[in-house]
Structures are given as C-alpha cells and as structure tokens.
Amino acid sequence: MKKLKDFLTISLAFIGLVLLLFSVSGNLSNKSQNEVGTYQIAVSSDQNALFRLNTSTGKIVRIKKSNIKKIDLNEN
C-alpha cells in the first residue's frame, strides 16, 4: 500500500511540474507575439512638453513640444 501511495504522489508531482513548465513557456511566447501598444503618451501644458511611457520597461521620456516637427495636412 505504501509503494502505491508513493508512486501516485510522485506521478502527480511530475505531471504537475510538466504542466507548470508548459504553462510558463506558453506565456513567454504569447507575450512577445501578442504585445501591442507598449507606449502611453501624456501631455503637460504647463511644462510645454509631453511624456512617453514605455509600459514594458517603465522608462519615462520627456519630449519638448518645440522639438516635434509640424505636419501640414493641407499641403497638396
């Protein structure tokens, strides 16, 4: 009886470990393929700048509004 109990415990532990590894590897591959929109933009009128936040790394970059090139939409 003890051998059967040990065998079942080890078998279930092994199955759980295999399922856990498959789950982790699936999440890693899906994250890199399905990641969309990793940036957020916030505008500050009192500082005359905008801020770009990379939501993957947490890095914040301040961009002066004067450094942004203007686009002429009426140009033919």
C-alpha atoms as a PDB file:
ATOM      1  CA  MET A   1       0.000   0.000   0.000  1.00  0.00           C
ATOM      2  CA  LYS A   2       2.852   2.376   0.842  1.00  0.00           C
ATOM      3  CA  LYS A   3       4.531   1.778  -2.525  1.00  0.00           C
ATOM      4  CA  LEU A   4       1.286   2.565  -4.364  1.00  0.00           C
ATOM      5  CA  LYS A   5       0.838   5.748  -2.338  1.00  0.00           C
ATOM      6  CA  ASP A   6       4.427   6.851  -3.050  1.00  0.00           C
ATOM      7  CA  PHE A   7       4.059   6.049  -6.747  1.00  0.00           C
ATOM      8  CA  LEU A   8       0.845   8.089  -7.019  1.00  0.00           C
ATOM      9  CA  THR A   9       2.389  11.031  -5.166  1.00  0.00           C
ATOM     10  CA  ILE A  10       5.487  11.075  -7.372  1.00  0.00           C
ATOM     11  CA  SER A  11       3.399  10.642 -10.540  1.00  0.00           C
ATOM     12  CA  LEU A  12       1.078  13.514  -9.678  1.00  0.00           C
ATOM     13  CA  ALA A  13       4.018  15.731  -8.727  1.00  0.00           C
ATOM     14  CA  PHE A  14       5.704  15.003 -12.059  1.00  0.00           C
ATOM     15  CA  ILE A  15       2.501  15.706 -14.024  1.00  0.00           C
ATOM     16  CA  GLY A  16       2.059  18.988 -12.131  1.00  0.00           C
ATOM     17  CA  LEU A  17       5.643  20.015 -12.872  1.00  0.00           C
ATOM     18  CA  VAL A  18       5.264  19.249 -16.584  1.00  0.00           C
ATOM     19  CA  LEU A  19       2.004  21.234 -16.769  1.00  0.00           C
ATOM     20  CA  LEU A  20       3.604  24.151 -14.953  1.00  0.00           C
ATOM     21  CA  LEU A  21       6.540  24.215 -17.378  1.00  0.00           C
ATOM     22  CA  PHE A  22       4.208  24.125 -20.393  1.00  0.00           C
ATOM     23  CA  SER A  23       2.176  26.979 -18.938  1.00  0.00           C
ATOM     24  CA  VAL A  24       5.227  29.169 -18.318  1.00  0.00           C
ATOM     25  CA  SER A  25       6.730  28.554 -21.762  1.00  0.00           C
ATOM     26  CA  GLY A  26       3.367  29.265 -23.432  1.00  0.00           C
ATOM     27  CA  ASN A  27       3.008  32.563 -21.575  1.00  0.00           C
ATOM     28  CA  LEU A  28       6.507  33.687 -22.556  1.00  0.00           C
ATOM     29  CA  SER A  29       5.965  33.028 -26.252  1.00  0.00           C
ATOM     30  CA  ASN A  30       2.480  34.634 -26.287  1.00  0.00           C
ATOM     31  CA  LYS A  31       3.691  37.766 -24.517  1.00  0.00           C
ATOM     32  CA  SER A  32       6.314  38.563 -27.132  1.00  0.00           C
ATOM     33  CA  GLN A  33       3.971  37.855 -30.055  1.00  0.00           C
ATOM     34  CA  ASN A  34       0.762  39.472 -28.811  1.00  0.00           C
ATOM     35  CA  GLU A  35       2.177  42.585 -27.166  1.00  0.00           C
ATOM     36  CA  VAL A  36       0.508  45.634 -28.655  1.00  0.00           C
ATOM     37  CA  GLY A  37       0.656  49.263 -27.571  1.00  0.00           C
ATOM     38  CA  THR A  38       3.640  49.324 -25.271  1.00  0.00           C
ATOM     39  CA  TYR A  39       3.692  53.143 -25.114  1.00  0.00           C
ATOM     40  CA  GLN A  40       1.443  55.686 -23.436  1.00  0.00           C
ATOM     41  CA  ILE A  41       1.602  59.410 -24.110  1.00  0.00           C
ATOM     42  CA  ALA A  42       0.725  62.149 -21.608  1.00  0.00           C
ATOM     43  CA  VAL A  43       0.653  65.863 -22.483  1.00  0.00           C
ATOM     44  CA  SER A  44       1.580  68.581 -19.991  1.00  0.00           C
ATOM     45  CA  SER A  45       0.517  72.090 -20.982  1.00  0.00           C
ATOM     46  CA  ASP A  46       2.192  73.855 -18.053  1.00  0.00           C
ATOM     47  CA  GLN A  47       5.599  72.263 -18.777  1.00  0.00           C
ATOM     48  CA  ASN A  48       5.192  72.650 -22.571  1.00  0.00           C
ATOM     49  CA  ALA A  49       6.169  69.002 -23.046  1.00  0.00           C
ATOM     50  CA  LEU A  50       4.806  65.535 -23.469  1.00  0.00           C
ATOM     51  CA  PHE A  51       5.866  62.356 -21.746  1.00  0.00           C
ATOM     52  CA  ARG A  52       6.231  58.924 -23.347  1.00  0.00           C
ATOM     53  CA  LEU A  53       5.925  55.934 -21.002  1.00  0.00           C
ATOM     54  CA  ASN A  54       7.151  52.529 -22.107  1.00  0.00           C
ATOM     55  CA  THR A  55       4.718  50.235 -20.282  1.00  0.00           C
ATOM     56  CA  SER A  56       7.011  47.219 -20.721  1.00  0.00           C
ATOM     57  CA  THR A  57      10.100  48.720 -19.098  1.00  0.00           C
ATOM     58  CA  GLY A  58       8.610  51.610 -17.106  1.00  0.00           C
ATOM     59  CA  LYS A  59      11.012  54.109 -18.706  1.00  0.00           C
ATOM     60  CA  ILE A  60       9.643  57.679 -18.989  1.00  0.00           C
ATOM     61  CA  VAL A  61      10.977  60.062 -21.646  1.00  0.00           C
ATOM     62  CA  ARG A  62      10.243  63.821 -21.623  1.00  0.00           C
ATOM     63  CA  ILE A  63       9.882  65.345 -25.094  1.00  0.00           C
ATOM     64  CA  LYS A  64       9.779  69.105 -25.654  1.00  0.00           C
ATOM     65  CA  LYS A  65       6.898  70.231 -27.826  1.00  0.00           C
ATOM     66  CA  SER A  66       9.266  72.554 -29.716  1.00  0.00           C
ATOM     67  CA  ASN A  67      11.305  69.524 -30.861  1.00  0.00           C
ATOM     68  CA  ILE A  68       8.297  67.900 -32.540  1.00  0.00           C
ATOM     69  CA  LYS A  69       8.127  68.549 -36.274  1.00  0.00           C
ATOM     70  CA  LYS A  70       4.911  70.139 -37.501  1.00  0.00           C
ATOM     71  CA  ILE A  71       2.822  68.370 -40.147  1.00  0.00           C
ATOM     72  CA  ASP A  72       0.929  70.385 -42.745  1.00  0.00           C
ATOM     73  CA  LEU A  73      -2.243  68.435 -43.541  1.00  0.00           C
ATOM     74  CA  ASN A  74      -3.381  70.928 -46.189  1.00  0.00           C
ATOM     75  CA  GLU A  75      -0.287  70.514 -48.324  1.00  0.00           C
ATOM     76  CA  ASN A  76      -1.061  69.040 -51.770  1.00  0.00           C
END
